[in-house]
C-alpha atoms as a PDB file:
ATOM      1  CA  UNK A   1      -0.174   0.143   0.284  1.00  0.00           C
ATOM      2  CA  UNK A   2       3.157   2.333  -0.113  1.00  0.00           C
ATOM      3  CA  UNK A   3       2.279   3.641  -3.433  1.00  0.00           C
ATOM      4  CA  UNK A   4      -1.559   4.084  -2.709  1.00  0.00           C
ATOM      5  CA  UNK A   5      -0.802   5.865   0.423  1.00  0.00           C
ATOM      6  CA  UNK A   6       1.795   8.180  -1.515  1.00  0.00           C
ATOM      7  CA  UNK A   7      -0.523   9.370  -4.047  1.00  0.00           C
ATOM      8  CA  UNK A   8      -3.932   9.185  -2.015  1.00  0.00           C
ATOM      9  CA  UNK A   9      -6.226   8.011  -4.538  1.00  0.00           C
ATOM     10  CA  UNK A  10      -9.747   8.181  -3.719  1.00  0.00           C
ATOM     11  CA  UNK A  11     -10.893   4.598  -3.656  1.00  0.00           C
ATOM     12  CA  UNK A  12     -14.526   3.282  -2.758  1.00  0.00           C
ATOM     13  CA  UNK A  13     -14.726  -0.587  -2.830  1.00  0.00           C
ATOM     14  CA  UNK A  14     -18.282  -1.943  -3.122  1.00  0.00           C
ATOM     15  CA  UNK A  15     -19.527  -5.633  -2.642  1.00  0.00           C
ATOM     16  CA  UNK A  16     -20.017  -6.473  -6.217  1.00  0.00           C
ATOM     17  CA  UNK A  17     -20.219  -4.893  -9.965  1.00  0.00           C
ATOM     18  CA  UNK A  18     -24.069  -4.369  -9.168  1.00  0.00           C
ATOM     19  CA  UNK A  19     -23.196  -2.005  -6.115  1.00  0.00           C
ATOM     20  CA  UNK A  20     -20.328  -0.264  -8.311  1.00  0.00           C
ATOM     21  CA  UNK A  21     -23.048   0.193 -10.990  1.00  0.00           C
ATOM     22  CA  UNK A  22     -25.879   1.650  -8.416  1.00  0.00           C
ATOM     23  CA  UNK A  23     -23.157   3.677  -6.828  1.00  0.00           C
ATOM     24  CA  UNK A  24     -21.969   5.277 -10.291  1.00  0.00           C
ATOM     25  CA  UNK A  25     -25.623   6.471 -10.824  1.00  0.00           C
ATOM     26  CA  UNK A  26     -25.482   8.315  -7.808  1.00  0.00           C
ATOM     27  CA  UNK A  27     -22.463   9.791  -9.201  1.00  0.00           C
ATOM     28  CA  UNK A  28     -24.048  10.861 -12.156  1.00  0.00           C
ATOM     29  CA  UNK A  29     -27.272  12.239 -10.391  1.00  0.00           C
ATOM     30  CA  UNK A  30     -25.302  14.241  -7.950  1.00  0.00           C
ATOM     31  CA  UNK A  31     -22.757  15.667 -10.446  1.00  0.00           C
ATOM     32  CA  UNK A  32     -25.688  16.577 -12.806  1.00  0.00           C
ATOM     33  CA  UNK A  33     -27.766  18.452 -10.270  1.00  0.00           C
ATOM     34  CA  UNK A  34     -24.912  20.071  -8.968  1.00  0.00           C
ATOM     35  CA  UNK A  35     -23.555  21.493 -12.635  1.00  0.00           C
ATOM     36  CA  UNK A  36     -27.130  22.232 -13.619  1.00  0.00           C
ATOM     37  CA  UNK A  37     -27.991  24.258 -10.487  1.00  0.00           C
ATOM     38  CA  UNK A  38     -24.883  25.883 -10.931  1.00  0.00           C
ATOM     39  CA  UNK A  39     -24.592  26.650 -14.466  1.00  0.00           C
ATOM     40  CA  UNK A  40     -27.715  25.342 -16.081  1.00  0.00           C
ATOM     41  CA  UNK A  41     -26.154  22.676 -17.893  1.00  0.00           C
ATOM     42  CA  UNK A  42     -24.321  19.276 -17.198  1.00  0.00           C
ATOM     43  CA  UNK A  43     -21.362  17.752 -19.492  1.00  0.00           C
ATOM     44  CA  UNK A  44     -20.916  14.329 -19.460  1.00  0.00           C
ATOM     45  CA  UNK A  45     -18.678  12.012 -21.383  1.00  0.00           C
ATOM     46  CA  UNK A  46     -19.042   7.861 -21.047  1.00  0.00           C
ATOM     47  CA  UNK A  47     -17.017   5.034 -22.153  1.00  0.00           C
ATOM     48  CA  UNK A  48     -18.540   1.546 -23.484  1.00  0.00           C
ATOM     49  CA  UNK A  49     -17.239  -1.612 -22.748  1.00  0.00           C
ATOM     50  CA  UNK A  50     -18.494  -4.529 -20.256  1.00  0.00           C
ATOM     51  CA  UNK A  51     -18.211  -2.923 -16.803  1.00  0.00           C
ATOM     52  CA  UNK A  52     -20.165   0.232 -17.835  1.00  0.00           C
ATOM     53  CA  UNK A  53     -23.193  -1.883 -19.289  1.00  0.00           C
ATOM     54  CA  UNK A  54     -24.932  -2.405 -15.713  1.00  0.00           C
ATOM     55  CA  UNK A  55     -24.069   1.295 -15.053  1.00  0.00           C
ATOM     56  CA  UNK A  56     -25.963   2.056 -18.609  1.00  0.00           C
ATOM     57  CA  UNK A  57     -29.437  -0.149 -17.937  1.00  0.00           C
ATOM     58  CA  UNK A  58     -29.772   1.493 -14.281  1.00  0.00           C
ATOM     59  CA  UNK A  59     -29.783   4.944 -16.081  1.00  0.00           C
ATOM     60  CA  UNK A  60     -32.611   3.603 -18.052  1.00  0.00           C
ATOM     61  CA  UNK A  61     -34.426   2.286 -15.171  1.00  0.00           C
ATOM     62  CA  UNK A  62     -34.194   4.704 -11.808  1.00  0.00           C
ATOM     63  CA  UNK A  63     -36.553   7.352 -11.423  1.00  0.00           C
ATOM     64  CA  UNK A  64     -34.250   9.556 -10.119  1.00  0.00           C
ATOM     65  CA  UNK A  65     -32.432   9.482 -13.361  1.00  0.00           C
ATOM     66  CA  UNK A  66     -35.487   9.866 -15.519  1.00  0.00           C
ATOM     67  CA  UNK A  67     -36.683  12.906 -13.679  1.00  0.00           C
ATOM     68  CA  UNK A  68     -33.154  14.721 -14.594  1.00  0.00           C
ATOM     69  CA  UNK A  69     -34.065  17.883 -16.795  1.00  0.00           C
ATOM     70  CA  UNK A  70     -32.287  15.994 -19.647  1.00  0.00           C
ATOM     71  CA  UNK A  71     -32.801  19.115 -22.118  1.00  0.00           C
ATOM     72  CA  UNK A  72     -30.092  20.564 -19.656  1.00  0.00           C
ATOM     73  CA  UNK A  73     -27.658  17.525 -20.475  1.00  0.00           C
ATOM     74  CA  UNK A  74     -24.954  17.260 -23.042  1.00  0.00           C
ATOM     75  CA  UNK A  75     -23.800  13.811 -23.653  1.00  0.00           C
ATOM     76  CA  UNK A  76     -20.727  12.432 -25.248  1.00  0.00           C
ATOM     77  CA  UNK A  77     -18.434   9.554 -25.815  1.00  0.00           C
ATOM     78  CA  UNK A  78     -15.322   9.168 -24.347  1.00  0.00           C
ATOM     79  CA  UNK A  79     -13.949   6.708 -26.945  1.00  0.00           C
ATOM     80  CA  UNK A  80     -15.599   4.467 -29.935  1.00  0.00           C
ATOM     81  CA  UNK A  81     -14.437   1.967 -31.932  1.00  0.00           C
ATOM     82  CA  UNK A  82     -14.569   2.811 -35.692  1.00  0.00           C
ATOM     83  CA  UNK A  83     -17.593   0.983 -36.603  1.00  0.00           C
ATOM     84  CA  UNK A  84     -20.964   1.457 -38.052  1.00  0.00           C
ATOM     85  CA  UNK A  85     -23.135   3.199 -35.144  1.00  0.00           C
ATOM     86  CA  UNK A  86     -25.541  -0.377 -35.309  1.00  0.00           C
ATOM     87  CA  UNK A  87     -22.349  -2.421 -35.027  1.00  0.00           C
ATOM     88  CA  UNK A  88     -22.591  -4.643 -32.106  1.00  0.00           C
ATOM     89  CA  UNK A  89     -19.335  -3.195 -31.333  1.00  0.00           C
ATOM     90  CA  UNK A  90     -20.580   0.343 -31.235  1.00  0.00           C
ATOM     91  CA  UNK A  91     -20.226   2.151 -27.725  1.00  0.00           C
ATOM     92  CA  UNK A  92     -22.933   4.226 -28.880  1.00  0.00           C
ATOM     93  CA  UNK A  93     -25.300   1.314 -29.896  1.00  0.00           C
ATOM     94  CA  UNK A  94     -24.463   0.093 -26.098  1.00  0.00           C
ATOM     95  CA  UNK A  95     -25.946   3.380 -24.909  1.00  0.00           C
ATOM     96  CA  UNK A  96     -28.714   3.369 -27.401  1.00  0.00           C
ATOM     97  CA  UNK A  97     -30.189  -0.085 -26.410  1.00  0.00           C
ATOM     98  CA  UNK A  98     -29.599   0.126 -22.595  1.00  0.00           C
ATOM     99  CA  UNK A  99     -30.661   3.910 -22.039  1.00  0.00           C
ATOM    100  CA  UNK A 100     -31.122   6.600 -24.323  1.00  0.00           C
ATOM    101  CA  UNK A 101     -34.736   5.539 -25.477  1.00  0.00           C
ATOM    102  CA  UNK A 102     -35.842   5.182 -21.885  1.00  0.00           C
ATOM    103  CA  UNK A 103     -34.730   9.047 -21.004  1.00  0.00           C
ATOM    104  CA  UNK A 104     -36.185  12.313 -22.553  1.00  0.00           C
ATOM    105  CA  UNK A 105     -33.009  13.807 -23.823  1.00  0.00           C
ATOM    106  CA  UNK A 106     -33.319  16.098 -26.955  1.00  0.00           C
ATOM    107  CA  UNK A 107     -31.526  14.229 -29.664  1.00  0.00           C
ATOM    108  CA  UNK A 108     -29.394  17.360 -30.346  1.00  0.00           C
ATOM    109  CA  UNK A 109     -27.957  16.767 -27.064  1.00  0.00           C
ATOM    110  CA  UNK A 110     -26.539  13.479 -28.223  1.00  0.00           C
ATOM    111  CA  UNK A 111     -23.004  13.532 -29.408  1.00  0.00           C
ATOM    112  CA  UNK A 112     -21.855  10.228 -30.638  1.00  0.00           C
ATOM    113  CA  UNK A 113     -18.213   9.836 -32.072  1.00  0.00           C
ATOM    114  CA  UNK A 114     -19.142   9.900 -36.060  1.00  0.00           C
ATOM    115  CA  UNK A 115     -17.887   6.821 -37.613  1.00  0.00           C
ATOM    116  CA  UNK A 116     -19.332   7.240 -40.959  1.00  0.00           C
ATOM    117  CA  UNK A 117     -16.324   9.070 -42.303  1.00  0.00           C
ATOM    118  CA  UNK A 118     -14.032   7.004 -44.807  1.00  0.00           C
ATOM    119  CA  UNK A 119     -11.145   8.757 -43.529  1.00  0.00           C
ATOM    120  CA  UNK A 120     -11.008   8.388 -39.307  1.00  0.00           C
ATOM    121  CA  UNK A 121      -8.735  11.231 -38.931  1.00  0.00           C
ATOM    122  CA  UNK A 122     -11.649  13.346 -40.845  1.00  0.00           C
ATOM    123  CA  UNK A 123     -14.077  11.981 -38.153  1.00  0.00           C
ATOM    124  CA  UNK A 124     -11.920  12.699 -35.317  1.00  0.00           C
ATOM    125  CA  UNK A 125     -11.659  16.531 -36.189  1.00  0.00           C
ATOM    126  CA  UNK A 126     -15.092  16.502 -36.843  1.00  0.00           C
ATOM    127  CA  UNK A 127     -15.994  15.436 -33.350  1.00  0.00           C
ATOM    128  CA  UNK A 128     -13.497  17.929 -31.976  1.00  0.00           C
ATOM    129  CA  UNK A 129     -15.159  20.484 -33.759  1.00  0.00           C
ATOM    130  CA  UNK A 130     -18.610  19.370 -32.117  1.00  0.00           C
ATOM    131  CA  UNK A 131     -17.091  19.637 -28.786  1.00  0.00           C
ATOM    132  CA  UNK A 132     -15.941  23.188 -29.232  1.00  0.00           C
ATOM    133  CA  UNK A 133     -19.209  24.277 -30.519  1.00  0.00           C
ATOM    134  CA  UNK A 134     -20.868  22.565 -27.961  1.00  0.00           C
ATOM    135  CA  UNK A 135     -18.732  24.216 -25.058  1.00  0.00           C
ATOM    136  CA  UNK A 136     -18.144  27.190 -27.123  1.00  0.00           C
ATOM    137  CA  UNK A 137     -14.628  27.205 -27.075  1.00  0.00           C
ATOM    138  CA  UNK A 138     -11.776  28.610 -28.980  1.00  0.00           C
ATOM    139  CA  UNK A 139      -8.867  26.320 -30.563  1.00  0.00           C
ATOM    140  CA  UNK A 140      -6.668  26.867 -27.522  1.00  0.00           C
ATOM    141  CA  UNK A 141      -8.950  26.127 -24.825  1.00  0.00           C
ATOM    142  CA  UNK A 142     -10.050  22.661 -23.482  1.00  0.00           C
ATOM    143  CA  UNK A 143     -13.297  21.648 -22.576  1.00  0.00           C
ATOM    144  CA  UNK A 144     -14.172  21.204 -18.560  1.00  0.00           C
ATOM    145  CA  UNK A 145     -16.564  18.147 -18.581  1.00  0.00           C
ATOM    146  CA  UNK A 146     -18.369  18.158 -15.382  1.00  0.00           C
ATOM    147  CA  UNK A 147     -18.314  14.310 -15.335  1.00  0.00           C
ATOM    148  CA  UNK A 148     -16.305  11.445 -17.383  1.00  0.00           C
ATOM    149  CA  UNK A 149     -17.144   7.739 -16.474  1.00  0.00           C
ATOM    150  CA  UNK A 150     -14.288   5.453 -17.415  1.00  0.00           C
ATOM    151  CA  UNK A 151     -13.177   2.109 -17.058  1.00  0.00           C
ATOM    152  CA  UNK A 152      -9.850   0.210 -17.079  1.00  0.00           C
ATOM    153  CA  UNK A 153      -8.865  -2.324 -19.174  1.00  0.00           C
ATOM    154  CA  UNK A 154      -6.715  -5.489 -17.941  1.00  0.00           C
ATOM    155  CA  UNK A 155      -3.756  -3.720 -19.539  1.00  0.00           C
ATOM    156  CA  UNK A 156      -4.287  -0.537 -17.772  1.00  0.00           C
ATOM    157  CA  UNK A 157      -5.650   1.313 -20.669  1.00  0.00           C
ATOM    158  CA  UNK A 158      -8.338   4.145 -20.029  1.00  0.00           C
ATOM    159  CA  UNK A 159     -10.458   5.568 -22.775  1.00  0.00           C
ATOM    160  CA  UNK A 160      -8.864   4.075 -25.786  1.00  0.00           C
ATOM    161  CA  UNK A 161      -5.585   5.148 -24.837  1.00  0.00           C
ATOM    162  CA  UNK A 162      -3.483   1.700 -24.765  1.00  0.00           C
ATOM    163  CA  UNK A 163       0.181   1.084 -23.634  1.00  0.00           C
ATOM    164  CA  UNK A 164       2.474   2.783 -26.330  1.00  0.00           C
ATOM    165  CA  UNK A 165      -0.170   4.085 -28.529  1.00  0.00           C
ATOM    166  CA  UNK A 166       0.684   7.587 -30.426  1.00  0.00           C
ATOM    167  CA  UNK A 167      -2.224   8.740 -28.897  1.00  0.00           C
ATOM    168  CA  UNK A 168      -1.082   8.864 -25.547  1.00  0.00           C
ATOM    169  CA  UNK A 169       1.478  11.549 -26.547  1.00  0.00           C
ATOM    170  CA  UNK A 170      -0.923  13.550 -28.434  1.00  0.00           C
ATOM    171  CA  UNK A 171      -1.516  16.496 -26.345  1.00  0.00           C
ATOM    172  CA  UNK A 172      -2.504  18.986 -28.917  1.00  0.00           C
ATOM    173  CA  UNK A 173      -5.864  17.281 -30.286  1.00  0.00           C
ATOM    174  CA  UNK A 174      -9.097  16.898 -28.195  1.00  0.00           C
ATOM    175  CA  UNK A 175      -9.908  13.719 -30.121  1.00  0.00           C
ATOM    176  CA  UNK A 176      -7.073  11.184 -31.390  1.00  0.00           C
ATOM    177  CA  UNK A 177      -7.290   8.196 -33.666  1.00  0.00           C
ATOM    178  CA  UNK A 178      -5.861   4.778 -31.952  1.00  0.00           C
ATOM    179  CA  UNK A 179      -4.705   2.367 -34.638  1.00  0.00           C
ATOM    180  CA  UNK A 180      -5.104  -1.204 -33.199  1.00  0.00           C
ATOM    181  CA  UNK A 181      -2.811  -4.112 -34.190  1.00  0.00           C
ATOM    182  CA  UNK A 182      -4.607  -7.357 -35.092  1.00  0.00           C
ATOM    183  CA  UNK A 183      -8.103  -8.247 -35.628  1.00  0.00           C
ATOM    184  CA  UNK A 184      -9.315  -5.656 -33.271  1.00  0.00           C
ATOM    185  CA  UNK A 185     -11.276  -2.275 -34.579  1.00  0.00           C
ATOM    186  CA  UNK A 186      -9.091   0.832 -34.606  1.00  0.00           C
ATOM    187  CA  UNK A 187     -10.782   3.744 -32.511  1.00  0.00           C
ATOM    188  CA  UNK A 188     -11.152   7.426 -31.621  1.00  0.00           C
ATOM    189  CA  UNK A 189     -10.423   8.250 -28.190  1.00  0.00           C
ATOM    190  CA  UNK A 190     -10.476  11.796 -26.311  1.00  0.00           C
ATOM    191  CA  UNK A 191      -7.096  12.793 -25.678  1.00  0.00           C
ATOM    192  CA  UNK A 192      -5.508  12.654 -22.016  1.00  0.00           C
ATOM    193  CA  UNK A 193      -5.163  16.574 -21.461  1.00  0.00           C
ATOM    194  CA  UNK A 194      -9.298  16.405 -22.178  1.00  0.00           C
ATOM    195  CA  UNK A 195      -9.641  13.610 -19.526  1.00  0.00           C
ATOM    196  CA  UNK A 196      -7.303  15.411 -16.957  1.00  0.00           C
ATOM    197  CA  UNK A 197      -9.416  18.722 -17.661  1.00  0.00           C
ATOM    198  CA  UNK A 198     -12.507  17.021 -16.266  1.00  0.00           C
ATOM    199  CA  UNK A 199     -14.233  18.328 -12.998  1.00  0.00           C
ATOM    200  CA  UNK A 200     -14.504  14.629 -11.845  1.00  0.00           C
ATOM    201  CA  UNK A 201     -13.646  11.366 -13.230  1.00  0.00           C
ATOM    202  CA  UNK A 202     -15.023   8.137 -12.204  1.00  0.00           C
ATOM    203  CA  UNK A 203     -12.991   5.316 -12.861  1.00  0.00           C
ATOM    204  CA  UNK A 204     -15.597   1.783 -12.934  1.00  0.00           C
ATOM    205  CA  UNK A 205     -13.081  -1.456 -12.168  1.00  0.00           C
ATOM    206  CA  UNK A 206     -14.789  -4.944 -11.365  1.00  0.00           C
ATOM    207  CA  UNK A 207     -14.021  -8.476 -11.726  1.00  0.00           C
ATOM    208  CA  UNK A 208     -10.989 -10.281 -10.178  1.00  0.00           C
ATOM    209  CA  UNK A 209      -9.467 -10.198 -13.614  1.00  0.00           C
ATOM    210  CA  UNK A 210      -8.415  -6.540 -13.042  1.00  0.00           C
ATOM    211  CA  UNK A 211      -6.927  -7.385  -9.691  1.00  0.00           C
ATOM    212  CA  UNK A 212      -3.702  -7.714 -11.073  1.00  0.00           C
ATOM    213  CA  UNK A 213      -3.391  -4.558 -12.944  1.00  0.00           C
ATOM    214  CA  UNK A 214      -5.150  -2.594 -10.110  1.00  0.00           C
ATOM    215  CA  UNK A 215      -2.307  -3.667  -7.898  1.00  0.00           C
ATOM    216  CA  UNK A 216       0.162  -2.696 -10.270  1.00  0.00           C
ATOM    217  CA  UNK A 217      -1.397   0.719 -11.459  1.00  0.00           C
ATOM    218  CA  UNK A 218      -1.805   1.649  -7.474  1.00  0.00           C
ATOM    219  CA  UNK A 219       1.660   0.226  -6.442  1.00  0.00           C
ATOM    220  CA  UNK A 220       4.242   1.513  -9.028  1.00  0.00           C
ATOM    221  CA  UNK A 221       5.541   5.229  -9.387  1.00  0.00           C
ATOM    222  CA  UNK A 222       3.499   7.048 -12.293  1.00  0.00           C
ATOM    223  CA  UNK A 223       4.808   5.096 -16.016  1.00  0.00           C
ATOM    224  CA  UNK A 224       1.740   6.682 -17.983  1.00  0.00           C
ATOM    225  CA  UNK A 225       3.238   5.037 -21.395  1.00  0.00           C
ATOM    226  CA  UNK A 226       3.297   1.511 -19.662  1.00  0.00           C
ATOM    227  CA  UNK A 227       0.036   1.964 -17.591  1.00  0.00           C
ATOM    228  CA  UNK A 228      -2.108   4.759 -19.351  1.00  0.00           C
ATOM    229  CA  UNK A 229      -4.233   4.977 -16.324  1.00  0.00           C
ATOM    230  CA  UNK A 230      -1.231   6.811 -14.709  1.00  0.00           C
ATOM    231  CA  UNK A 231      -2.216   9.938 -16.705  1.00  0.00           C
ATOM    232  CA  UNK A 232      -4.703  10.534 -14.145  1.00  0.00           C
ATOM    233  CA  UNK A 233      -2.082  10.827 -11.414  1.00  0.00           C
ATOM    234  CA  UNK A 234      -1.665  14.584 -11.469  1.00  0.00           C
ATOM    235  CA  UNK A 235      -5.448  15.032 -11.230  1.00  0.00           C
ATOM    236  CA  UNK A 236      -6.199  12.201  -8.243  1.00  0.00           C
ATOM    237  CA  UNK A 237      -8.064  14.683  -5.969  1.00  0.00           C
ATOM    238  CA  UNK A 238     -10.414  14.820  -8.899  1.00  0.00           C
ATOM    239  CA  UNK A 239     -10.530  10.870  -9.341  1.00  0.00           C
ATOM    240  CA  UNK A 240     -13.141   8.553  -7.670  1.00  0.00           C
ATOM    241  CA  UNK A 241     -12.223   4.826  -8.442  1.00  0.00           C
ATOM    242  CA  UNK A 242     -15.075   2.598  -8.064  1.00  0.00           C
ATOM    243  CA  UNK A 243     -13.970  -0.777  -7.160  1.00  0.00           C
ATOM    244  CA  UNK A 244     -15.724  -4.282  -6.403  1.00  0.00           C
ATOM    245  CA  UNK A 245     -14.048  -6.481  -3.705  1.00  0.00           C
ATOM    246  CA  UNK A 246     -13.147  -8.903  -6.334  1.00  0.00           C
ATOM    247  CA  UNK A 247     -10.958  -6.242  -8.287  1.00  0.00           C
ATOM    248  CA  UNK A 248     -10.030  -4.697  -4.979  1.00  0.00           C
ATOM    249  CA  UNK A 249      -8.508  -7.897  -3.299  1.00  0.00           C
ATOM    250  CA  UNK A 250      -4.916  -7.256  -4.042  1.00  0.00           C
ATOM    251  CA  UNK A 251      -4.624  -3.261  -3.254  1.00  0.00           C
END
């Protein structure tokens, strides 16, 4: 626990994945209410993957979520596989199937990463322009998301910032392309300056298969090329780690 104590991450450990999902919804509702009360709008970005699925399902089921003023919520994605929006691999499709059709969010407030361009560098630039337009910021400014909901992979990646990938070095763009070797899909991801600029980041990590990587991330000095989750270490005061007992058993 030496490095954990040194860097003082804010860790919440829940009994199981269901409890993590429900706590994540609490964070979402609380942050939304706080942002809307303060400035009349809530900017949130979500990730895809297995762990957030139950969180998404609960967003479509819990009355406190349904009663939020969704016309004041601007929804973005942290990352996306470069597949059609109706693909089984699409992070957007996961959200659409689990909660988007169950809440009263206006369609113009839903900002998926466009994957219909032939050139996905153009798609990344288009998404960046959407972010700048919605936030009303100039080219030299970073958007400040009120909440960013992330997962972490078994290799320590967050968003689609993988170990040793070019996007981890991209500090100029808001959204970057990610070339993936093998038979996996290429991706587009928000860059780490955008992630670190968020007011609050919730990182959901569940399952015993994540225990080893959590132990390495929490108990080694920051090395963000090897463990991309370490990009959050300069802003750990803004990060809430939501873990289940299986994932947390080695820390």
